[in-house]
Amino acid sequence: MDFVVEDKIYSVTKRFAILNDNGIEVGHGLLYILSDESHNKPYGYLSDVLIKEEFRAGGFGGKLVREIIRAAKEDFKCYKLLCTSRDSRGIVDWYKKLGFRAHSTGFRMDFDLDAAGAVSYTHLRAHETDS
């Protein structure tokens, strides 16, 4: 069996920052605009939404996510917007209030990182014969 690996650029990342009335950044979020070979429109992935602790409960998070939703739909013509989160601090209910719905099942694989943050593949090599 052979594999062919090609370099393709199917994504772009947009960083959205929200500023308070004094022009200070109080939070940010990332919108990954992704394309694949199965659809004729891109889809979005919302990630890394973070409001500085001292500005939480001030409505900044909702305003930020609503702007990212608007941009994904109107500016980038995404046919869907995905987002994942742990269910901590009522965050799932918060996303539902913004129009998201629980959908599908997510899967995750963690890789061991060394002190420099590089991926260690020892875990993968140990399981090469598992498949």
N, C-alpha and C. Protein backbone atom coordinates (compact mmCIF):
# COMPACT_ATOMS: atom_id res chain seq x y z
N MET A 1 0.84 -1.17 0.00
CA MET A 1 0.00 0.00 0.00
C MET A 1 0.89 1.24 0.00
N ASP A 2 0.53 2.21 -0.81
CA ASP A 2 1.25 3.47 -0.87
C ASP A 2 0.32 4.62 -0.51
N PHE A 3 0.90 5.69 -0.05
CA PHE A 3 0.16 6.91 0.24
C PHE A 3 0.80 8.06 -0.52
N VAL A 4 -0.02 8.98 -0.97
CA VAL A 4 0.46 10.20 -1.60
C VAL A 4 0.00 11.35 -0.72
N VAL A 5 0.92 12.18 -0.32
CA VAL A 5 0.59 13.34 0.51
C VAL A 5 0.89 14.59 -0.31
N GLU A 6 -0.13 15.42 -0.48
CA GLU A 6 0.01 16.65 -1.26
C GLU A 6 -0.19 17.86 -0.35
N ASP A 7 0.52 18.92 -0.63
CA ASP A 7 0.28 20.18 0.07
C ASP A 7 -0.91 20.88 -0.59
N LYS A 8 -1.92 21.16 0.20
CA LYS A 8 -3.11 21.89 -0.26
C LYS A 8 -3.44 22.92 0.80
N ILE A 9 -3.87 24.05 0.38
CA ILE A 9 -4.30 25.07 1.33
C ILE A 9 -5.82 25.15 1.27
N TYR A 10 -6.44 24.63 2.32
CA TYR A 10 -7.89 24.59 2.39
C TYR A 10 -8.44 25.42 3.55
N SER A 11 -7.61 26.25 4.16
CA SER A 11 -8.12 27.02 5.29
C SER A 11 -7.46 28.38 5.38
N VAL A 12 -8.15 29.24 6.07
CA VAL A 12 -7.66 30.57 6.40
C VAL A 12 -8.13 30.84 7.82
N THR A 13 -7.36 31.56 8.60
CA THR A 13 -7.73 31.87 9.98
C THR A 13 -7.91 33.36 10.14
N LYS A 14 -9.02 33.74 10.77
CA LYS A 14 -9.30 35.14 11.07
C LYS A 14 -9.36 35.29 12.58
N ARG A 15 -8.64 36.27 13.10
CA ARG A 15 -8.66 36.55 14.54
C ARG A 15 -9.54 37.77 14.77
N PHE A 16 -10.54 37.61 15.61
CA PHE A 16 -11.45 38.69 15.96
C PHE A 16 -11.13 39.14 17.38
N ALA A 17 -10.97 40.43 17.58
CA ALA A 17 -10.74 40.97 18.92
C ALA A 17 -11.88 41.92 19.24
N ILE A 18 -12.29 41.95 20.50
CA ILE A 18 -13.30 42.90 20.94
C ILE A 18 -12.63 43.88 21.89
N LEU A 19 -12.91 45.16 21.67
CA LEU A 19 -12.31 46.23 22.45
C LEU A 19 -13.37 46.88 23.33
N ASN A 20 -12.96 47.36 24.49
CA ASN A 20 -13.90 48.10 25.33
C ASN A 20 -13.95 49.56 24.86
N ASP A 21 -14.70 50.38 25.56
CA ASP A 21 -14.87 51.78 25.15
C ASP A 21 -13.56 52.58 25.17
N ASN A 22 -12.56 52.08 25.88
CA ASN A 22 -11.26 52.74 25.94
C ASN A 22 -10.29 52.21 24.88
N GLY A 23 -10.77 51.34 24.01
CA GLY A 23 -9.93 50.79 22.96
C GLY A 23 -9.00 49.67 23.41
N ILE A 24 -9.25 49.13 24.59
CA ILE A 24 -8.43 48.04 25.13
C ILE A 24 -9.05 46.71 24.74
N GLU A 25 -8.20 45.80 24.23
CA GLU A 25 -8.69 44.47 23.88
C GLU A 25 -9.08 43.73 25.15
N VAL A 26 -10.33 43.28 25.19
CA VAL A 26 -10.80 42.54 26.37
C VAL A 26 -11.04 41.07 26.06
N GLY A 27 -10.95 40.70 24.79
CA GLY A 27 -11.14 39.31 24.43
C GLY A 27 -10.92 39.08 22.96
N HIS A 28 -10.89 37.80 22.59
CA HIS A 28 -10.68 37.45 21.19
C HIS A 28 -11.27 36.07 20.90
N GLY A 29 -11.38 35.77 19.62
CA GLY A 29 -11.81 34.46 19.15
C GLY A 29 -11.24 34.21 17.77
N LEU A 30 -11.11 32.97 17.40
CA LEU A 30 -10.59 32.60 16.09
C LEU A 30 -11.68 31.96 15.25
N LEU A 31 -11.72 32.33 13.99
CA LEU A 31 -12.60 31.70 13.02
C LEU A 31 -11.72 31.06 11.96
N TYR A 32 -11.77 29.74 11.89
CA TYR A 32 -11.07 29.01 10.84
C TYR A 32 -12.08 28.80 9.72
N ILE A 33 -11.75 29.24 8.53
CA ILE A 33 -12.60 29.05 7.37
C ILE A 33 -11.98 27.91 6.58
N LEU A 34 -12.72 26.81 6.50
CA LEU A 34 -12.19 25.56 5.95
C LEU A 34 -12.95 25.14 4.70
N SER A 35 -12.24 24.63 3.75
CA SER A 35 -12.84 24.07 2.54
C SER A 35 -12.39 22.62 2.42
N ASP A 36 -13.17 21.85 1.73
CA ASP A 36 -12.76 20.48 1.44
C ASP A 36 -13.20 20.15 0.02
N GLU A 37 -12.91 18.97 -0.41
CA GLU A 37 -13.23 18.60 -1.78
C GLU A 37 -14.64 18.02 -1.92
N SER A 38 -15.41 18.00 -0.83
CA SER A 38 -16.75 17.42 -0.86
C SER A 38 -17.86 18.46 -0.98
N HIS A 39 -17.56 19.73 -0.69
CA HIS A 39 -18.59 20.76 -0.68
C HIS A 39 -18.15 21.95 -1.53
N ASN A 40 -19.13 22.66 -2.06
CA ASN A 40 -18.79 23.81 -2.88
C ASN A 40 -18.76 25.11 -2.08
N LYS A 41 -19.05 25.05 -0.79
CA LYS A 41 -18.97 26.21 0.09
C LYS A 41 -18.09 25.86 1.28
N PRO A 42 -17.45 26.86 1.87
CA PRO A 42 -16.62 26.58 3.05
C PRO A 42 -17.47 26.41 4.30
N TYR A 43 -16.86 25.90 5.34
CA TYR A 43 -17.50 25.88 6.64
C TYR A 43 -16.56 26.55 7.64
N GLY A 44 -17.11 26.96 8.76
CA GLY A 44 -16.31 27.65 9.76
C GLY A 44 -16.14 26.82 11.01
N TYR A 45 -15.05 27.08 11.71
CA TYR A 45 -14.80 26.46 13.00
C TYR A 45 -14.41 27.57 13.96
N LEU A 46 -15.20 27.73 15.01
CA LEU A 46 -15.00 28.75 16.03
C LEU A 46 -14.13 28.18 17.14
N SER A 47 -13.07 28.90 17.51
CA SER A 47 -12.14 28.38 18.49
C SER A 47 -11.56 29.51 19.32
N ASP A 48 -11.01 29.13 20.46
CA ASP A 48 -10.20 30.03 21.27
C ASP A 48 -10.93 31.31 21.66
N VAL A 49 -12.22 31.20 21.99
CA VAL A 49 -12.97 32.37 22.47
C VAL A 49 -12.57 32.60 23.91
N LEU A 50 -12.02 33.75 24.18
CA LEU A 50 -11.54 34.06 25.51
C LEU A 50 -11.78 35.53 25.83
N ILE A 51 -12.45 35.77 26.95
CA ILE A 51 -12.64 37.12 27.48
C ILE A 51 -11.82 37.20 28.75
N LYS A 52 -11.04 38.27 28.88
CA LYS A 52 -10.24 38.45 30.09
C LYS A 52 -11.15 38.41 31.31
N GLU A 53 -10.68 37.76 32.34
CA GLU A 53 -11.50 37.48 33.51
C GLU A 53 -12.19 38.72 34.08
N GLU A 54 -11.48 39.81 34.14
CA GLU A 54 -12.06 41.02 34.75
C GLU A 54 -13.17 41.64 33.90
N PHE A 55 -13.35 41.17 32.66
CA PHE A 55 -14.39 41.71 31.78
C PHE A 55 -15.52 40.72 31.53
N ARG A 56 -15.46 39.53 32.15
CA ARG A 56 -16.51 38.54 31.97
C ARG A 56 -17.80 39.02 32.62
N ALA A 57 -18.90 38.51 32.13
CA ALA A 57 -20.25 38.88 32.58
C ALA A 57 -20.60 40.31 32.19
N GLY A 58 -19.84 40.87 31.26
CA GLY A 58 -20.12 42.22 30.78
C GLY A 58 -20.73 42.24 29.39
N GLY A 59 -21.04 41.06 28.85
CA GLY A 59 -21.66 40.97 27.53
C GLY A 59 -20.68 40.94 26.36
N PHE A 60 -19.39 41.03 26.66
CA PHE A 60 -18.39 41.05 25.59
C PHE A 60 -18.35 39.73 24.82
N GLY A 61 -18.44 38.61 25.52
CA GLY A 61 -18.36 37.31 24.87
C GLY A 61 -19.48 37.09 23.87
N GLY A 62 -20.69 37.42 24.26
CA GLY A 62 -21.82 37.27 23.36
C GLY A 62 -21.69 38.16 22.13
N LYS A 63 -21.26 39.40 22.34
CA LYS A 63 -21.08 40.32 21.21
C LYS A 63 -20.00 39.80 20.27
N LEU A 64 -18.92 39.29 20.83
CA LEU A 64 -17.82 38.75 20.02
C LEU A 64 -18.28 37.56 19.20
N VAL A 65 -18.93 36.61 19.83
CA VAL A 65 -19.36 35.40 19.12
C VAL A 65 -20.43 35.75 18.08
N ARG A 66 -21.35 36.66 18.39
CA ARG A 66 -22.35 37.06 17.40
C ARG A 66 -21.69 37.69 16.17
N GLU A 67 -20.63 38.46 16.37
CA GLU A 67 -19.92 39.05 15.23
C GLU A 67 -19.21 37.98 14.41
N ILE A 68 -18.63 37.00 15.08
CA ILE A 68 -17.98 35.90 14.35
C ILE A 68 -19.02 35.10 13.57
N ILE A 69 -20.18 34.84 14.16
CA ILE A 69 -21.26 34.14 13.47
C ILE A 69 -21.68 34.92 12.23
N ARG A 70 -21.88 36.23 12.40
CA ARG A 70 -22.28 37.08 11.28
C ARG A 70 -21.25 37.01 10.15
N ALA A 71 -19.97 37.14 10.51
CA ALA A 71 -18.92 37.12 9.50
C ALA A 71 -18.85 35.77 8.79
N ALA A 72 -18.96 34.68 9.55
CA ALA A 72 -18.92 33.35 8.94
C ALA A 72 -20.04 33.19 7.92
N LYS A 73 -21.21 33.65 8.27
CA LYS A 73 -22.38 33.50 7.40
C LYS A 73 -22.38 34.49 6.24
N GLU A 74 -22.20 35.76 6.53
CA GLU A 74 -22.37 36.80 5.52
C GLU A 74 -21.10 37.10 4.73
N ASP A 75 -19.99 37.26 5.41
CA ASP A 75 -18.75 37.66 4.74
C ASP A 75 -18.05 36.49 4.05
N PHE A 76 -18.02 35.34 4.73
CA PHE A 76 -17.27 34.20 4.21
C PHE A 76 -18.15 33.11 3.62
N LYS A 77 -19.48 33.29 3.67
CA LYS A 77 -20.45 32.40 3.03
C LYS A 77 -20.33 30.94 3.47
N CYS A 78 -20.02 30.73 4.75
CA CYS A 78 -19.92 29.38 5.29
C CYS A 78 -21.30 28.74 5.33
N TYR A 79 -21.37 27.46 5.04
CA TYR A 79 -22.66 26.76 5.10
C TYR A 79 -22.96 26.21 6.48
N LYS A 80 -21.94 26.16 7.35
CA LYS A 80 -22.15 25.77 8.74
C LYS A 80 -21.01 26.32 9.57
N LEU A 81 -21.25 26.41 10.87
CA LEU A 81 -20.23 26.86 11.82
C LEU A 81 -20.15 25.83 12.94
N LEU A 82 -18.98 25.28 13.14
CA LEU A 82 -18.76 24.28 14.18
C LEU A 82 -18.05 24.91 15.37
N CYS A 83 -18.27 24.31 16.53
CA CYS A 83 -17.64 24.77 17.75
C CYS A 83 -17.65 23.60 18.73
N THR A 84 -16.59 23.44 19.48
CA THR A 84 -16.57 22.43 20.52
C THR A 84 -16.17 23.08 21.83
N SER A 85 -16.66 22.51 22.92
CA SER A 85 -16.32 23.04 24.23
C SER A 85 -16.60 21.99 25.29
N ARG A 86 -15.86 22.09 26.38
CA ARG A 86 -16.20 21.28 27.54
C ARG A 86 -17.45 21.89 28.18
N ASP A 87 -18.18 21.11 28.92
CA ASP A 87 -19.36 21.63 29.60
C ASP A 87 -18.97 22.12 30.99
N SER A 88 -18.17 23.17 31.00
CA SER A 88 -17.77 23.75 32.29
C SER A 88 -18.35 25.15 32.40
N ARG A 89 -18.68 25.54 33.59
CA ARG A 89 -19.20 26.88 33.87
C ARG A 89 -20.44 27.22 33.04
N GLY A 90 -21.24 26.23 32.68
CA GLY A 90 -22.46 26.49 31.92
C GLY A 90 -22.22 26.95 30.50
N ILE A 91 -21.05 26.67 29.96
CA ILE A 91 -20.70 27.19 28.64
C ILE A 91 -21.56 26.59 27.53
N VAL A 92 -21.98 25.34 27.67
CA VAL A 92 -22.82 24.73 26.65
C VAL A 92 -24.15 25.47 26.56
N ASP A 93 -24.77 25.77 27.69
CA ASP A 93 -26.01 26.54 27.68
C ASP A 93 -25.80 27.93 27.07
N TRP A 94 -24.65 28.53 27.34
CA TRP A 94 -24.33 29.85 26.79
C TRP A 94 -24.27 29.80 25.27
N TYR A 95 -23.59 28.77 24.72
CA TYR A 95 -23.53 28.63 23.27
C TYR A 95 -24.92 28.36 22.69
N LYS A 96 -25.74 27.59 23.37
CA LYS A 96 -27.10 27.34 22.89
C LYS A 96 -27.90 28.63 22.82
N LYS A 97 -27.73 29.51 23.79
CA LYS A 97 -28.43 30.81 23.76
C LYS A 97 -28.00 31.65 22.56
N LEU A 98 -26.80 31.40 22.06
CA LEU A 98 -26.30 32.14 20.89
C LEU A 98 -26.71 31.48 19.57
N GLY A 99 -27.46 30.37 19.65
CA GLY A 99 -27.98 29.74 18.44
C GLY A 99 -27.35 28.42 18.06
N PHE A 100 -26.32 28.00 18.76
CA PHE A 100 -25.72 26.70 18.48
C PHE A 100 -26.61 25.60 19.05
N ARG A 101 -26.47 24.40 18.51
CA ARG A 101 -27.19 23.25 19.05
C ARG A 101 -26.21 22.09 19.21
N ALA A 102 -26.50 21.24 20.16
CA ALA A 102 -25.67 20.05 20.35
C ALA A 102 -25.86 19.15 19.13
N HIS A 103 -24.75 18.65 18.59
CA HIS A 103 -24.83 17.87 17.36
C HIS A 103 -23.65 16.90 17.30
N SER A 104 -23.92 15.68 16.94
CA SER A 104 -22.89 14.67 16.70
C SER A 104 -22.13 14.28 17.96
N THR A 105 -21.09 13.55 17.73
CA THR A 105 -20.17 13.13 18.78
C THR A 105 -18.78 13.54 18.34
N GLY A 106 -18.03 14.11 19.25
CA GLY A 106 -16.66 14.50 18.92
C GLY A 106 -15.68 13.44 19.38
N PHE A 107 -14.56 13.41 18.73
CA PHE A 107 -13.49 12.49 19.11
C PHE A 107 -12.22 13.28 19.28
N ARG A 108 -11.34 12.78 20.12
CA ARG A 108 -10.11 13.51 20.41
C ARG A 108 -8.98 12.51 20.63
N MET A 109 -7.80 12.91 20.21
CA MET A 109 -6.60 12.14 20.47
C MET A 109 -5.56 13.11 21.01
N ASP A 110 -5.04 12.83 22.19
CA ASP A 110 -4.01 13.68 22.78
C ASP A 110 -2.65 13.09 22.48
N PHE A 111 -1.72 13.95 22.11
CA PHE A 111 -0.34 13.55 21.88
C PHE A 111 0.49 14.06 23.04
N ASP A 112 1.46 13.26 23.45
CA ASP A 112 2.36 13.69 24.52
C ASP A 112 3.23 14.82 24.01
N LEU A 113 3.40 15.85 24.82
CA LEU A 113 4.28 16.96 24.45
C LEU A 113 5.50 16.95 25.35
N ASP A 114 6.65 17.23 24.77
CA ASP A 114 7.84 17.34 25.60
C ASP A 114 7.90 18.74 26.20
N ALA A 115 8.93 19.04 26.97
CA ALA A 115 9.04 20.32 27.66
C ALA A 115 9.04 21.50 26.69
N ALA A 116 9.49 21.30 25.46
CA ALA A 116 9.53 22.39 24.48
C ALA A 116 8.22 22.52 23.72
N GLY A 117 7.25 21.63 24.01
CA GLY A 117 5.97 21.69 23.33
C GLY A 117 5.91 20.89 22.05
N ALA A 118 6.95 20.12 21.76
CA ALA A 118 6.97 19.30 20.55
C ALA A 118 6.19 18.00 20.79
N VAL A 119 5.56 17.51 19.75
CA VAL A 119 4.77 16.29 19.85
C VAL A 119 5.71 15.09 20.00
N SER A 120 5.40 14.24 20.96
CA SER A 120 6.13 12.99 21.13
C SER A 120 5.28 11.87 20.54
N TYR A 121 5.86 11.13 19.63
CA TYR A 121 5.11 10.08 18.96
C TYR A 121 5.33 8.72 19.61
N THR A 122 5.89 8.69 20.80
CA THR A 122 6.12 7.40 21.46
C THR A 122 4.81 6.67 21.69
N HIS A 123 3.77 7.41 22.03
CA HIS A 123 2.46 6.80 22.25
C HIS A 123 1.96 6.15 20.96
N LEU A 124 2.14 6.84 19.83
CA LEU A 124 1.69 6.30 18.56
C LEU A 124 2.49 5.06 18.17
N ARG A 125 3.80 5.12 18.32
CA ARG A 125 4.64 3.98 17.95
C ARG A 125 4.30 2.76 18.79
N ALA A 126 3.95 2.97 20.03
CA ALA A 126 3.62 1.85 20.91
C ALA A 126 2.37 1.13 20.44
N HIS A 127 1.53 1.83 19.65
CA HIS A 127 0.26 1.23 19.24
C HIS A 127 0.20 0.95 17.74
N GLU A 128 1.34 0.94 17.07
CA GLU A 128 1.35 0.72 15.63
C GLU A 128 0.74 -0.63 15.24
N THR A 129 0.89 -1.61 16.05
CA THR A 129 0.39 -2.94 15.70
C THR A 129 -1.04 -3.17 16.16
N ASP A 130 -1.67 -2.14 16.74
CA ASP A 130 -3.03 -2.31 17.25
C ASP A 130 -4.07 -2.41 16.13
N SER A 131 -3.78 -1.89 14.94
CA SER A 131 -4.82 -1.86 13.90
C SER A 131 -4.77 -3.05 12.98
